[in-house]
N, C-alpha and C. Protein backbone atom coordinates (compact mmCIF):
# COMPACT_ATOMS: atom_id res chain seq x y z
N MET A 1 137.55 158.43 100.64
CA MET A 1 138.86 159.07 100.55
C MET A 1 139.95 158.06 100.21
N PHE A 2 139.88 156.85 100.82
CA PHE A 2 140.90 155.84 100.53
C PHE A 2 140.85 155.43 99.07
N GLY A 3 139.63 155.29 98.53
CA GLY A 3 139.50 154.93 97.13
C GLY A 3 140.11 155.98 96.22
N ARG A 4 139.95 157.23 96.58
CA ARG A 4 140.53 158.32 95.79
C ARG A 4 142.05 158.27 95.85
N ARG A 5 142.60 158.02 97.04
CA ARG A 5 144.05 157.92 97.18
C ARG A 5 144.60 156.74 96.39
N MET A 6 143.87 155.63 96.41
CA MET A 6 144.30 154.47 95.64
C MET A 6 144.31 154.78 94.15
N ALA A 7 143.28 155.49 93.69
CA ALA A 7 143.20 155.84 92.27
C ALA A 7 144.35 156.75 91.87
N VAL A 8 144.68 157.72 92.73
CA VAL A 8 145.80 158.64 92.44
C VAL A 8 147.11 157.86 92.43
N MET A 9 147.28 156.92 93.37
CA MET A 9 148.50 156.12 93.41
C MET A 9 148.65 155.30 92.14
N LEU A 10 147.58 154.62 91.72
CA LEU A 10 147.64 153.77 90.52
C LEU A 10 147.91 154.60 89.27
N LEU A 11 147.27 155.78 89.20
CA LEU A 11 147.53 156.67 88.06
C LEU A 11 148.98 157.12 88.08
N GLY A 12 149.49 157.42 89.27
CA GLY A 12 150.88 157.83 89.40
C GLY A 12 151.85 156.75 88.93
N ILE A 13 151.56 155.50 89.28
CA ILE A 13 152.42 154.39 88.86
C ILE A 13 152.39 154.23 87.35
N LEU A 14 151.21 154.34 86.75
CA LEU A 14 151.08 154.24 85.30
C LEU A 14 151.87 155.35 84.61
N VAL A 15 151.69 156.58 85.08
CA VAL A 15 152.39 157.73 84.49
C VAL A 15 153.90 157.60 84.73
N MET A 16 154.29 157.05 85.87
CA MET A 16 155.70 156.87 86.16
C MET A 16 156.34 155.93 85.14
N GLY A 17 155.66 154.84 84.82
CA GLY A 17 156.18 153.93 83.82
C GLY A 17 156.36 154.61 82.48
N ILE A 18 155.41 155.48 82.12
CA ILE A 18 155.52 156.23 80.87
C ILE A 18 156.70 157.20 80.92
N GLY A 19 156.87 157.87 82.08
CA GLY A 19 157.99 158.80 82.23
C GLY A 19 159.33 158.11 82.10
N ILE A 20 159.46 156.95 82.72
CA ILE A 20 160.71 156.20 82.62
C ILE A 20 160.93 155.74 81.19
N GLY A 21 159.83 155.34 80.51
CA GLY A 21 159.94 154.93 79.11
C GLY A 21 160.43 156.07 78.24
N LEU A 22 159.89 157.27 78.45
CA LEU A 22 160.35 158.45 77.70
C LEU A 22 161.83 158.71 77.96
N PHE A 23 162.21 158.59 79.22
CA PHE A 23 163.59 158.83 79.62
C PHE A 23 164.52 157.84 78.91
N LYS A 24 164.12 156.58 78.86
CA LYS A 24 164.93 155.56 78.20
C LYS A 24 165.02 155.79 76.70
N LEU A 25 163.92 156.25 76.11
CA LEU A 25 163.90 156.50 74.67
C LEU A 25 164.85 157.63 74.28
N SER A 26 165.11 158.54 75.20
CA SER A 26 165.98 159.68 74.90
C SER A 26 167.44 159.26 74.75
N LEU A 27 167.81 158.10 75.31
CA LEU A 27 169.19 157.61 75.25
C LEU A 27 170.18 158.62 75.84
N MET A 28 169.74 159.32 76.91
CA MET A 28 170.58 160.34 77.52
C MET A 28 171.09 159.94 78.89
N GLY A 29 171.07 158.65 79.17
CA GLY A 29 171.58 158.18 80.45
C GLY A 29 170.47 157.64 81.34
N ASN A 30 170.84 156.90 82.37
CA ASN A 30 169.88 156.32 83.30
C ASN A 30 169.67 157.24 84.49
N ASP A 31 168.57 157.00 85.21
CA ASP A 31 168.36 157.74 86.45
C ASP A 31 169.45 157.34 87.45
N PRO A 32 169.72 158.15 88.49
CA PRO A 32 170.85 157.89 89.39
C PRO A 32 170.88 156.51 90.03
N SER A 33 169.75 156.03 90.54
CA SER A 33 169.77 154.74 91.22
C SER A 33 170.04 153.61 90.24
N THR A 34 169.45 153.70 89.03
CA THR A 34 169.69 152.68 88.02
C THR A 34 171.14 152.71 87.56
N ALA A 35 171.69 153.92 87.38
CA ALA A 35 173.10 154.05 86.98
C ALA A 35 174.02 153.40 88.01
N MET A 36 173.70 153.57 89.28
CA MET A 36 174.51 152.98 90.34
C MET A 36 174.41 151.45 90.32
N VAL A 37 173.19 150.94 90.16
CA VAL A 37 172.99 149.49 90.14
C VAL A 37 173.72 148.86 88.96
N ILE A 38 173.64 149.50 87.79
CA ILE A 38 174.34 148.99 86.61
C ILE A 38 175.85 148.98 86.85
N ALA A 39 176.37 150.06 87.45
CA ALA A 39 177.81 150.16 87.71
C ALA A 39 178.27 149.08 88.69
N ILE A 40 177.48 148.82 89.72
CA ILE A 40 177.83 147.78 90.69
C ILE A 40 177.85 146.42 90.00
N GLY A 41 176.81 146.16 89.18
CA GLY A 41 176.73 144.88 88.49
C GLY A 41 177.92 144.66 87.57
N GLU A 42 178.32 145.72 86.85
CA GLU A 42 179.47 145.59 85.96
C GLU A 42 180.76 145.38 86.72
N ARG A 43 180.89 146.03 87.88
CA ARG A 43 182.12 145.90 88.66
C ARG A 43 182.27 144.51 89.27
N VAL A 44 181.17 143.93 89.77
CA VAL A 44 181.26 142.62 90.43
C VAL A 44 180.95 141.46 89.48
N GLY A 45 180.55 141.78 88.25
CA GLY A 45 180.27 140.73 87.28
C GLY A 45 178.98 139.98 87.52
N VAL A 46 177.98 140.67 88.06
CA VAL A 46 176.68 140.05 88.32
C VAL A 46 175.63 140.78 87.49
N ASP A 47 174.65 140.05 86.97
CA ASP A 47 173.62 140.63 86.13
C ASP A 47 172.88 141.76 86.83
N PHE A 48 172.55 142.79 86.06
CA PHE A 48 171.85 143.97 86.58
C PHE A 48 170.60 143.60 87.38
N SER A 49 169.80 142.68 86.84
CA SER A 49 168.53 142.34 87.50
C SER A 49 168.75 141.76 88.89
N ILE A 50 169.81 140.99 89.06
CA ILE A 50 170.11 140.40 90.37
C ILE A 50 170.53 141.49 91.36
N ILE A 51 171.38 142.40 90.91
CA ILE A 51 171.80 143.51 91.77
C ILE A 51 170.60 144.37 92.15
N LEU A 52 169.71 144.60 91.19
CA LEU A 52 168.54 145.43 91.45
C LEU A 52 167.65 144.81 92.53
N ILE A 53 167.45 143.50 92.44
CA ILE A 53 166.65 142.82 93.46
C ILE A 53 167.30 142.97 94.82
N GLY A 54 168.63 142.77 94.87
CA GLY A 54 169.34 142.89 96.12
C GLY A 54 169.27 144.29 96.71
N MET A 55 169.44 145.31 95.85
CA MET A 55 169.38 146.69 96.33
C MET A 55 167.98 147.04 96.82
N ASN A 56 166.96 146.60 96.09
CA ASN A 56 165.59 146.88 96.52
C ASN A 56 165.29 146.23 97.87
N CYS A 57 165.80 145.02 98.07
CA CYS A 57 165.62 144.34 99.35
C CYS A 57 166.33 145.10 100.47
N ALA A 58 167.53 145.61 100.17
CA ALA A 58 168.28 146.37 101.18
C ALA A 58 167.55 147.66 101.52
N TRP A 59 167.09 148.38 100.49
CA TRP A 59 166.36 149.62 100.73
C TRP A 59 165.05 149.35 101.46
N PHE A 60 164.39 148.23 101.13
CA PHE A 60 163.15 147.89 101.83
C PHE A 60 163.43 147.60 103.30
N GLY A 61 164.58 146.97 103.57
CA GLY A 61 164.95 146.72 104.97
C GLY A 61 165.12 148.02 105.74
N VAL A 62 165.71 149.02 105.10
CA VAL A 62 165.85 150.33 105.74
C VAL A 62 164.48 150.96 105.97
N GLU A 63 163.63 150.89 104.94
CA GLU A 63 162.28 151.46 105.05
C GLU A 63 161.49 150.79 106.17
N TRP A 64 161.54 149.47 106.21
CA TRP A 64 160.81 148.72 107.23
C TRP A 64 161.36 148.99 108.63
N GLY A 65 162.68 149.10 108.74
CA GLY A 65 163.29 149.30 110.04
C GLY A 65 163.13 150.70 110.59
N LEU A 66 163.15 151.71 109.72
CA LEU A 66 163.14 153.10 110.20
C LEU A 66 161.78 153.78 110.14
N ASP A 67 160.92 153.36 109.21
CA ASP A 67 159.60 153.99 109.12
C ASP A 67 158.64 153.07 108.37
N ARG A 68 158.19 152.02 109.05
CA ARG A 68 157.35 151.04 108.37
C ARG A 68 155.97 151.59 108.02
N LYS A 69 155.64 152.80 108.53
CA LYS A 69 154.39 153.43 108.13
C LYS A 69 154.39 153.78 106.64
N LEU A 70 155.58 153.86 106.05
CA LEU A 70 155.68 154.16 104.63
C LEU A 70 155.41 152.93 103.76
N VAL A 71 155.36 151.76 104.39
CA VAL A 71 155.12 150.52 103.65
C VAL A 71 153.62 150.31 103.49
N GLY A 72 153.19 150.09 102.28
CA GLY A 72 151.79 149.86 102.00
C GLY A 72 151.64 149.23 100.63
N ILE A 73 150.42 149.14 100.16
CA ILE A 73 150.19 148.51 98.86
C ILE A 73 150.94 149.24 97.74
N GLY A 74 151.07 150.57 97.88
CA GLY A 74 151.79 151.32 96.87
C GLY A 74 153.26 150.94 96.77
N THR A 75 153.82 150.49 97.89
CA THR A 75 155.22 150.04 97.90
C THR A 75 155.42 148.91 96.90
N PHE A 76 154.53 147.94 96.94
CA PHE A 76 154.69 146.74 96.12
C PHE A 76 154.18 146.94 94.69
N VAL A 77 153.14 147.78 94.52
CA VAL A 77 152.68 148.10 93.18
C VAL A 77 153.80 148.79 92.41
N ASN A 78 154.46 149.75 93.06
CA ASN A 78 155.58 150.45 92.43
C ASN A 78 156.72 149.48 92.15
N TRP A 79 157.07 148.71 93.16
CA TRP A 79 158.21 147.80 93.10
C TRP A 79 158.12 146.83 91.92
N PHE A 80 156.92 146.27 91.71
CA PHE A 80 156.79 145.19 90.73
C PHE A 80 156.16 145.58 89.40
N LEU A 81 155.51 146.75 89.31
CA LEU A 81 154.80 147.08 88.07
C LEU A 81 155.45 148.18 87.25
N VAL A 82 156.23 149.06 87.88
CA VAL A 82 156.80 150.18 87.13
C VAL A 82 157.70 149.69 85.99
N GLY A 83 158.55 148.71 86.27
CA GLY A 83 159.45 148.19 85.24
C GLY A 83 158.72 147.65 84.03
N PRO A 84 157.76 146.74 84.22
CA PRO A 84 157.02 146.22 83.07
C PRO A 84 156.26 147.30 82.31
N ILE A 85 155.68 148.27 83.02
CA ILE A 85 154.96 149.35 82.34
C ILE A 85 155.92 150.16 81.47
N ALA A 86 157.09 150.50 82.03
CA ALA A 86 158.08 151.27 81.29
C ALA A 86 158.54 150.52 80.05
N SER A 87 158.84 149.23 80.21
CA SER A 87 159.30 148.42 79.08
C SER A 87 158.21 148.28 78.02
N GLY A 88 156.98 148.06 78.46
CA GLY A 88 155.88 147.93 77.52
C GLY A 88 155.64 149.21 76.74
N PHE A 89 155.71 150.34 77.44
CA PHE A 89 155.53 151.63 76.76
C PHE A 89 156.64 151.88 75.75
N GLU A 90 157.88 151.58 76.14
CA GLU A 90 159.02 151.77 75.24
C GLU A 90 158.87 150.92 73.98
N LYS A 91 158.48 149.66 74.13
CA LYS A 91 158.31 148.78 72.98
C LYS A 91 157.16 149.25 72.09
N LEU A 92 156.09 149.74 72.72
CA LEU A 92 154.94 150.23 71.97
C LEU A 92 155.33 151.42 71.11
N VAL A 93 156.07 152.36 71.69
CA VAL A 93 156.49 153.55 70.95
C VAL A 93 157.45 153.17 69.83
N LEU A 94 158.43 152.32 70.14
CA LEU A 94 159.41 151.93 69.13
C LEU A 94 158.79 151.11 68.00
N GLY A 95 157.60 150.55 68.25
CA GLY A 95 156.92 149.80 67.21
C GLY A 95 156.36 150.69 66.11
N VAL A 96 156.15 151.97 66.44
CA VAL A 96 155.57 152.89 65.45
C VAL A 96 156.47 154.09 65.17
N TRP A 97 157.59 154.19 65.91
CA TRP A 97 158.49 155.34 65.76
C TRP A 97 159.92 154.87 66.01
N PRO A 98 160.84 155.18 65.12
CA PRO A 98 162.21 154.69 65.29
C PRO A 98 163.00 155.34 66.42
N GLY A 99 162.45 156.38 67.02
CA GLY A 99 163.15 157.06 68.09
C GLY A 99 163.64 158.43 67.64
N PRO A 100 164.08 159.26 68.60
CA PRO A 100 164.49 160.63 68.28
C PRO A 100 165.79 160.67 67.47
N GLU A 101 165.84 161.60 66.56
CA GLU A 101 167.05 161.81 65.78
C GLU A 101 167.60 163.20 66.08
N GLY A 102 168.86 163.27 66.41
CA GLY A 102 169.47 164.56 66.71
C GLY A 102 169.48 164.84 68.20
N LEU A 103 170.46 165.62 68.61
CA LEU A 103 170.64 165.93 70.03
C LEU A 103 169.47 166.72 70.59
N GLY A 104 168.96 167.68 69.81
CA GLY A 104 167.86 168.51 70.29
C GLY A 104 166.63 167.69 70.63
N ALA A 105 166.27 166.76 69.75
CA ALA A 105 165.09 165.93 69.98
C ALA A 105 165.29 165.02 71.19
N ARG A 106 166.49 164.51 71.35
CA ARG A 106 166.77 163.64 72.49
C ARG A 106 166.73 164.42 73.80
N LEU A 107 167.26 165.65 73.78
CA LEU A 107 167.22 166.49 74.98
C LEU A 107 165.77 166.81 75.36
N LEU A 108 164.96 167.14 74.36
CA LEU A 108 163.56 167.45 74.61
C LEU A 108 162.83 166.25 75.19
N LEU A 109 163.08 165.07 74.64
CA LEU A 109 162.45 163.85 75.13
C LEU A 109 162.90 163.55 76.56
N MET A 110 164.18 163.78 76.85
CA MET A 110 164.70 163.57 78.19
C MET A 110 164.02 164.49 79.20
N LEU A 111 163.90 165.77 78.85
CA LEU A 111 163.28 166.73 79.76
C LEU A 111 161.81 166.40 79.98
N CYS A 112 161.12 165.98 78.93
CA CYS A 112 159.72 165.55 79.08
C CYS A 112 159.64 164.35 80.02
N GLY A 113 160.57 163.40 79.86
CA GLY A 113 160.59 162.23 80.72
C GLY A 113 160.80 162.59 82.17
N VAL A 114 161.72 163.51 82.44
CA VAL A 114 162.00 163.93 83.82
C VAL A 114 160.78 164.61 84.43
N LEU A 115 160.12 165.48 83.67
CA LEU A 115 158.94 166.17 84.19
C LEU A 115 157.79 165.20 84.45
N VAL A 116 157.57 164.28 83.50
CA VAL A 116 156.50 163.29 83.68
C VAL A 116 156.81 162.39 84.87
N LEU A 117 158.07 161.98 85.00
CA LEU A 117 158.48 161.13 86.11
C LEU A 117 158.30 161.85 87.45
N SER A 118 158.65 163.12 87.50
CA SER A 118 158.50 163.91 88.73
C SER A 118 157.03 164.04 89.12
N PHE A 119 156.18 164.32 88.12
CA PHE A 119 154.75 164.44 88.38
C PHE A 119 154.18 163.13 88.90
N ALA A 120 154.63 162.03 88.30
CA ALA A 120 154.16 160.71 88.72
C ALA A 120 154.59 160.41 90.16
N CYS A 121 155.84 160.72 90.49
CA CYS A 121 156.32 160.50 91.86
C CYS A 121 155.50 161.32 92.84
N ALA A 122 155.20 162.55 92.46
CA ALA A 122 154.39 163.41 93.34
C ALA A 122 153.02 162.80 93.59
N MET A 123 152.41 162.24 92.55
CA MET A 123 151.08 161.65 92.70
C MET A 123 151.10 160.44 93.63
N TYR A 124 152.01 159.50 93.35
CA TYR A 124 151.94 158.26 94.13
C TYR A 124 152.43 158.45 95.56
N GLN A 125 153.37 159.39 95.78
CA GLN A 125 153.83 159.65 97.13
C GLN A 125 152.77 160.42 97.93
N THR A 126 152.12 161.37 97.29
CA THR A 126 151.09 162.17 97.96
C THR A 126 149.87 161.32 98.32
N ALA A 127 149.61 160.29 97.53
CA ALA A 127 148.48 159.40 97.84
C ALA A 127 148.66 158.73 99.20
N ASP A 128 149.92 158.55 99.64
CA ASP A 128 150.24 158.06 100.98
C ASP A 128 149.65 156.67 101.26
N VAL A 129 149.78 155.77 100.29
CA VAL A 129 149.34 154.38 100.51
C VAL A 129 150.51 153.42 100.29
N GLY A 130 151.71 153.91 100.53
CA GLY A 130 152.90 153.08 100.41
C GLY A 130 153.91 153.69 99.47
N ILE A 131 155.17 153.70 99.88
CA ILE A 131 156.25 154.31 99.12
C ILE A 131 157.25 153.23 98.73
N ALA A 132 157.74 153.29 97.49
CA ALA A 132 158.74 152.33 97.01
C ALA A 132 160.02 152.43 97.83
N PRO A 133 160.76 151.32 97.95
CA PRO A 133 161.94 151.30 98.83
C PRO A 133 162.94 152.43 98.59
N TYR A 134 163.35 152.67 97.34
CA TYR A 134 164.34 153.73 97.12
C TYR A 134 163.77 155.12 97.40
N ASP A 135 162.53 155.37 96.95
CA ASP A 135 161.92 156.67 97.18
C ASP A 135 161.75 156.96 98.67
N ALA A 136 161.59 155.90 99.46
CA ALA A 136 161.39 156.09 100.90
C ALA A 136 162.64 156.65 101.58
N LEU A 137 163.81 156.40 101.00
CA LEU A 137 165.05 156.85 101.64
C LEU A 137 165.07 158.35 101.87
N SER A 138 164.70 159.13 100.84
CA SER A 138 164.74 160.58 100.98
C SER A 138 163.66 161.09 101.93
N ILE A 139 162.51 160.41 101.95
CA ILE A 139 161.44 160.80 102.87
C ILE A 139 161.87 160.55 104.31
N ILE A 140 162.48 159.39 104.56
CA ILE A 140 162.97 159.06 105.90
C ILE A 140 164.05 160.05 106.32
N LEU A 141 164.98 160.35 105.41
CA LEU A 141 166.05 161.30 105.71
C LEU A 141 165.48 162.67 106.05
N SER A 142 164.45 163.08 105.31
CA SER A 142 163.81 164.37 105.58
C SER A 142 163.18 164.39 106.97
N LYS A 143 162.49 163.30 107.33
CA LYS A 143 161.86 163.23 108.64
C LYS A 143 162.89 163.22 109.77
N LYS A 144 163.94 162.46 109.59
CA LYS A 144 164.94 162.30 110.64
C LYS A 144 165.80 163.55 110.82
N SER A 145 166.05 164.25 109.71
CA SER A 145 166.96 165.41 109.77
C SER A 145 166.24 166.74 109.92
N GLY A 146 164.95 166.75 109.60
CA GLY A 146 164.21 168.01 109.63
C GLY A 146 164.47 168.87 108.41
N ARG A 147 165.20 168.34 107.43
CA ARG A 147 165.50 169.08 106.21
C ARG A 147 164.36 168.91 105.20
N SER A 148 164.37 169.75 104.17
CA SER A 148 163.32 169.69 103.16
C SER A 148 163.42 168.39 102.36
N TYR A 149 162.27 167.95 101.86
CA TYR A 149 162.26 166.72 101.06
C TYR A 149 163.13 166.86 99.82
N PHE A 150 162.98 168.00 99.10
CA PHE A 150 163.71 168.09 97.83
C PHE A 150 165.20 168.11 98.06
N GLY A 151 165.66 168.68 99.19
CA GLY A 151 167.08 168.65 99.50
C GLY A 151 167.56 167.24 99.78
N CYS A 152 166.76 166.49 100.52
CA CYS A 152 167.13 165.11 100.85
C CYS A 152 167.09 164.22 99.61
N ARG A 153 166.16 164.48 98.71
CA ARG A 153 166.10 163.71 97.47
C ARG A 153 167.34 163.99 96.62
N MET A 154 167.77 165.22 96.61
CA MET A 154 168.98 165.55 95.88
C MET A 154 170.19 164.83 96.48
N VAL A 155 170.22 164.72 97.80
CA VAL A 155 171.33 164.03 98.47
C VAL A 155 171.38 162.57 98.05
N THR A 156 170.24 161.87 98.10
CA THR A 156 170.24 160.44 97.75
C THR A 156 170.55 160.24 96.27
N ASP A 157 169.99 161.08 95.41
CA ASP A 157 170.24 160.93 93.98
C ASP A 157 171.68 161.28 93.62
N CYS A 158 172.21 162.34 94.21
CA CYS A 158 173.61 162.71 93.93
C CYS A 158 174.58 161.67 94.47
N LEU A 159 174.25 161.07 95.62
CA LEU A 159 175.10 160.02 96.18
C LEU A 159 175.15 158.82 95.25
N CYS A 160 173.99 158.42 94.71
CA CYS A 160 173.96 157.31 93.75
C CYS A 160 174.80 157.65 92.52
N THR A 161 174.70 158.89 92.05
CA THR A 161 175.47 159.31 90.88
C THR A 161 176.97 159.25 91.15
N LEU A 162 177.37 159.71 92.34
CA LEU A 162 178.79 159.69 92.70
C LEU A 162 179.32 158.26 92.81
N ILE A 163 178.51 157.36 93.38
CA ILE A 163 178.93 155.97 93.49
C ILE A 163 179.09 155.36 92.10
N ALA A 164 178.14 155.66 91.21
CA ALA A 164 178.22 155.16 89.85
C ALA A 164 179.49 155.67 89.17
N LEU A 165 179.79 156.94 89.36
CA LEU A 165 181.01 157.52 88.79
C LEU A 165 182.26 156.85 89.35
N ALA A 166 182.27 156.65 90.68
CA ALA A 166 183.44 156.06 91.33
C ALA A 166 183.69 154.64 90.85
N LEU A 167 182.62 153.94 90.47
CA LEU A 167 182.75 152.56 90.00
C LEU A 167 182.96 152.48 88.49
N GLY A 168 183.09 153.64 87.86
CA GLY A 168 183.33 153.66 86.43
C GLY A 168 182.09 153.48 85.59
N GLY A 169 180.92 153.75 86.19
CA GLY A 169 179.67 153.60 85.46
C GLY A 169 179.45 154.70 84.44
N LEU A 170 178.52 154.47 83.52
CA LEU A 170 178.21 155.43 82.47
C LEU A 170 177.20 156.44 82.99
N ILE A 171 177.59 157.71 82.99
CA ILE A 171 176.72 158.79 83.46
C ILE A 171 176.40 159.69 82.27
N GLY A 172 175.12 159.88 82.01
CA GLY A 172 174.70 160.74 80.91
C GLY A 172 174.10 162.03 81.42
N PRO A 173 173.79 162.96 80.52
CA PRO A 173 173.15 164.22 80.94
C PRO A 173 171.86 164.00 81.72
N GLY A 174 171.10 162.98 81.31
CA GLY A 174 169.85 162.69 82.00
C GLY A 174 170.06 162.30 83.44
N THR A 175 171.15 161.59 83.71
CA THR A 175 171.48 161.19 85.08
C THR A 175 171.70 162.41 85.94
N LEU A 176 172.44 163.37 85.41
CA LEU A 176 172.76 164.58 86.16
C LEU A 176 171.51 165.45 86.36
N VAL A 177 170.67 165.53 85.33
CA VAL A 177 169.42 166.29 85.46
C VAL A 177 168.54 165.69 86.55
N CYS A 178 168.45 164.36 86.56
CA CYS A 178 167.66 163.69 87.60
C CYS A 178 168.25 163.93 88.98
N ALA A 179 169.57 163.88 89.08
CA ALA A 179 170.23 164.02 90.38
C ALA A 179 169.91 165.35 91.05
N VAL A 180 169.83 166.41 90.25
CA VAL A 180 169.60 167.74 90.85
C VAL A 180 168.17 168.23 90.66
N GLY A 181 167.40 167.57 89.78
CA GLY A 181 166.09 168.10 89.45
C GLY A 181 164.89 167.37 89.99
N LEU A 182 165.01 166.07 90.25
CA LEU A 182 163.83 165.31 90.67
C LEU A 182 163.25 165.84 91.98
N GLY A 183 164.11 166.10 92.95
CA GLY A 183 163.62 166.59 94.25
C GLY A 183 162.79 167.85 94.14
N PRO A 184 163.35 168.92 93.55
CA PRO A 184 162.57 170.16 93.39
C PRO A 184 161.31 169.98 92.56
N PHE A 185 161.41 169.21 91.47
CA PHE A 185 160.23 169.02 90.62
C PHE A 185 159.14 168.24 91.34
N ILE A 186 159.52 167.21 92.08
CA ILE A 186 158.52 166.43 92.83
C ILE A 186 157.83 167.30 93.86
N THR A 187 158.61 168.12 94.57
CA THR A 187 158.03 169.03 95.55
C THR A 187 157.07 170.01 94.90
N PHE A 188 157.47 170.56 93.75
CA PHE A 188 156.61 171.51 93.03
C PHE A 188 155.29 170.87 92.63
N PHE A 189 155.35 169.69 92.01
CA PHE A 189 154.14 169.03 91.56
C PHE A 189 153.27 168.55 92.73
N SER A 190 153.91 168.20 93.84
CA SER A 190 153.15 167.81 95.02
C SER A 190 152.29 168.96 95.52
N GLU A 191 152.92 170.13 95.59
CA GLU A 191 152.23 171.31 96.11
C GLU A 191 151.18 171.84 95.14
N LYS A 192 151.50 171.85 93.85
CA LYS A 192 150.64 172.50 92.87
C LYS A 192 149.54 171.61 92.29
N ALA A 193 149.74 170.29 92.33
CA ALA A 193 148.77 169.42 91.68
C ALA A 193 148.36 168.20 92.50
N ALA A 194 149.33 167.45 93.00
CA ALA A 194 149.03 166.16 93.61
C ALA A 194 148.15 166.29 94.86
N LYS A 195 148.42 167.29 95.70
CA LYS A 195 147.62 167.45 96.91
C LYS A 195 146.16 167.75 96.57
N ARG A 196 145.94 168.50 95.51
CA ARG A 196 144.58 168.78 95.09
C ARG A 196 143.91 167.52 94.56
N MET A 197 144.66 166.69 93.89
CA MET A 197 144.10 165.44 93.37
C MET A 197 143.67 164.52 94.49
N VAL A 198 144.50 164.46 95.54
CA VAL A 198 144.18 163.60 96.69
C VAL A 198 143.09 164.22 97.53
N GLY A 199 143.10 165.55 97.63
CA GLY A 199 142.09 166.24 98.40
C GLY A 199 142.44 166.51 99.83
N SER A 200 143.72 166.29 100.22
CA SER A 200 144.13 166.55 101.59
C SER A 200 145.62 166.76 101.64
N PRO A 201 146.14 167.44 102.70
CA PRO A 201 147.59 167.60 102.86
C PRO A 201 148.24 166.24 103.06
N THR A 202 149.54 166.19 102.84
CA THR A 202 150.26 164.93 103.01
C THR A 202 151.41 165.07 103.95
N LYS A 203 151.95 163.92 104.36
CA LYS A 203 153.11 163.90 105.23
C LYS A 203 154.37 163.50 104.49
N THR A 204 154.23 163.15 103.20
CA THR A 204 155.37 162.57 102.52
C THR A 204 156.05 163.47 101.51
N ALA A 205 155.46 164.62 101.19
CA ALA A 205 156.07 165.46 100.16
C ALA A 205 156.75 166.67 100.76
């Protein structure tokens, strides 16, 4: 069973990188947490990568302090591999395709990216072998408050979007779609597909 969960987690991380790559190719804005990190970096004059490391460390501190059971190998696989996979996929696609032309094509690519990203999150979270620092926030909030996961995910994503807006960050349609859509989509895919892939109920979706 553990081997199966590990396989689902690794597949989820791979698919997540592809989903983020699709999202970036659409040029329709960043996901809420990335938009917030970029806005903070621009406001304080510090490189995005440095702010991202700092934010991940802060979120990991919250995860470790409030629910260290969520920390596992999946935490670190997500933390360190999703970015390179997304960048590699984006470069691979751009090497053979110049990118979408027209608003309709970009919107379609954005929606595909959001759906793929949601499915990937459902897989790696349902595998229950470790949750990435930012993703853990909504799970912890759900456990502590007794509220639904998708509602808590919307809270964390919308909060990041509002902070980005308050700091003068660039918010695109994709940012807003992620803010209100990732939670419900992740819950849907967890119930309809990911649990069957893992073969058992989960505590994280």
